[in-house]
């Protein structure tokens, strides 16, 4: 039995995760019904689910191109878009 649950081309990640969850839940119930230790079954199920759900993320990272960042420009934009627009917050209150 193959336990590969491929994501469909136009399927949202959340729907695919739900399919993975249902598959693993059914597989766990079958193992428990055959007498496997429920604690071991749950541990195995959680490991398989995490592996399956992280696979698309790891694949996307592996296949992504390197990102080139100009740190000076990035700091400048951060200062312009955030630091210059937010007034400083007092770290104490003085009652006069």
Protein backbone atom coordinates (compact mmCIF):
# COMPACT_ATOMS: atom_id res chain seq x y z
CA UNK A 1 0.00 0.00 0.00
CA UNK A 2 1.40 3.35 -1.00
CA UNK A 3 1.12 6.09 1.58
CA UNK A 4 1.91 8.88 -0.87
CA UNK A 5 -0.83 11.47 -0.98
CA UNK A 6 0.06 13.85 -3.76
CA UNK A 7 -1.21 17.39 -3.78
CA UNK A 8 -3.41 18.07 -6.80
CA UNK A 9 -2.23 20.87 -9.13
CA UNK A 10 -4.94 23.41 -8.21
CA UNK A 11 -5.66 22.11 -4.71
CA UNK A 12 -5.23 24.58 -1.84
CA UNK A 13 -2.69 23.46 0.75
CA UNK A 14 -5.37 23.41 3.48
CA UNK A 15 -7.55 20.96 1.52
CA UNK A 16 -4.58 18.70 0.86
CA UNK A 17 -3.68 18.77 4.57
CA UNK A 18 -7.26 17.75 5.39
CA UNK A 19 -6.96 14.79 2.99
CA UNK A 20 -3.67 13.80 4.65
CA UNK A 21 -5.30 14.02 8.09
CA UNK A 22 -8.24 11.84 7.04
CA UNK A 23 -5.96 9.27 5.43
CA UNK A 24 -3.67 9.05 8.44
CA UNK A 25 -6.62 8.89 10.83
CA UNK A 26 -8.10 5.95 8.91
CA UNK A 27 -4.72 4.22 8.74
CA UNK A 28 -4.27 4.68 12.51
CA UNK A 29 -7.71 3.24 13.23
CA UNK A 30 -6.89 0.18 11.12
CA UNK A 31 -3.65 -0.38 13.05
CA UNK A 32 -5.41 -0.02 16.40
CA UNK A 33 -8.11 -2.46 15.23
CA UNK A 34 -5.42 -5.04 14.44
CA UNK A 35 -4.06 -4.75 17.99
CA UNK A 36 -1.19 -2.28 17.67
CA UNK A 37 -0.40 -0.17 20.74
CA UNK A 38 -2.50 3.03 20.47
CA UNK A 39 0.32 5.18 21.89
CA UNK A 40 2.77 3.87 19.28
CA UNK A 41 0.15 4.30 16.55
CA UNK A 42 -0.45 7.94 17.53
CA UNK A 43 3.28 8.67 17.65
CA UNK A 44 3.79 7.13 14.21
CA UNK A 45 0.77 8.98 12.83
CA UNK A 46 2.01 12.35 14.04
CA UNK A 47 5.47 11.78 12.57
CA UNK A 48 4.04 10.75 9.19
CA UNK A 49 1.69 13.71 9.10
CA UNK A 50 4.46 16.20 9.86
CA UNK A 51 6.71 14.61 7.23
CA UNK A 52 3.98 14.73 4.60
CA UNK A 53 2.94 18.29 5.41
CA UNK A 54 6.50 19.61 5.40
CA UNK A 55 7.46 17.90 2.15
CA UNK A 56 5.91 20.57 -0.15
CA UNK A 57 7.53 23.30 1.95
CA UNK A 58 10.96 21.68 1.82
CA UNK A 59 10.58 21.05 -1.92
CA UNK A 60 9.65 24.68 -2.56
CA UNK A 61 12.66 25.87 -0.55
CA UNK A 62 14.96 23.44 -2.33
CA UNK A 63 13.73 24.50 -5.76
CA UNK A 64 13.68 28.22 -5.05
CA UNK A 65 16.32 30.52 -6.37
CA UNK A 66 18.63 32.37 -4.05
CA UNK A 67 17.46 35.76 -2.93
CA UNK A 68 19.78 38.70 -3.26
CA UNK A 69 19.18 41.44 -0.70
CA UNK A 70 20.73 44.88 -0.71
CA UNK A 71 21.02 45.45 3.04
CA UNK A 72 21.61 49.22 2.78
CA UNK A 73 18.54 49.67 0.58
CA UNK A 74 16.49 47.36 2.82
CA UNK A 75 17.43 49.32 5.95
CA UNK A 76 16.63 52.59 4.17
CA UNK A 77 13.16 51.35 3.15
CA UNK A 78 12.51 50.02 6.65
CA UNK A 79 13.43 53.39 8.15
CA UNK A 80 11.24 55.28 5.65
CA UNK A 81 8.26 52.94 5.89
CA UNK A 82 8.31 52.21 9.59
CA UNK A 83 10.70 54.10 11.83
CA UNK A 84 9.98 57.53 10.34
CA UNK A 85 6.20 56.96 10.55
CA UNK A 86 5.94 55.67 14.10
CA UNK A 87 6.37 58.07 16.97
CA UNK A 88 8.50 56.87 19.87
CA UNK A 89 6.66 55.25 22.75
CA UNK A 90 7.53 56.31 26.28
CA UNK A 91 8.90 53.51 28.40
CA UNK A 92 7.57 55.13 31.55
CA UNK A 93 4.84 57.49 32.65
CA UNK A 94 5.50 60.63 34.66
CA UNK A 95 2.65 62.05 36.72
CA UNK A 96 3.18 65.81 36.96
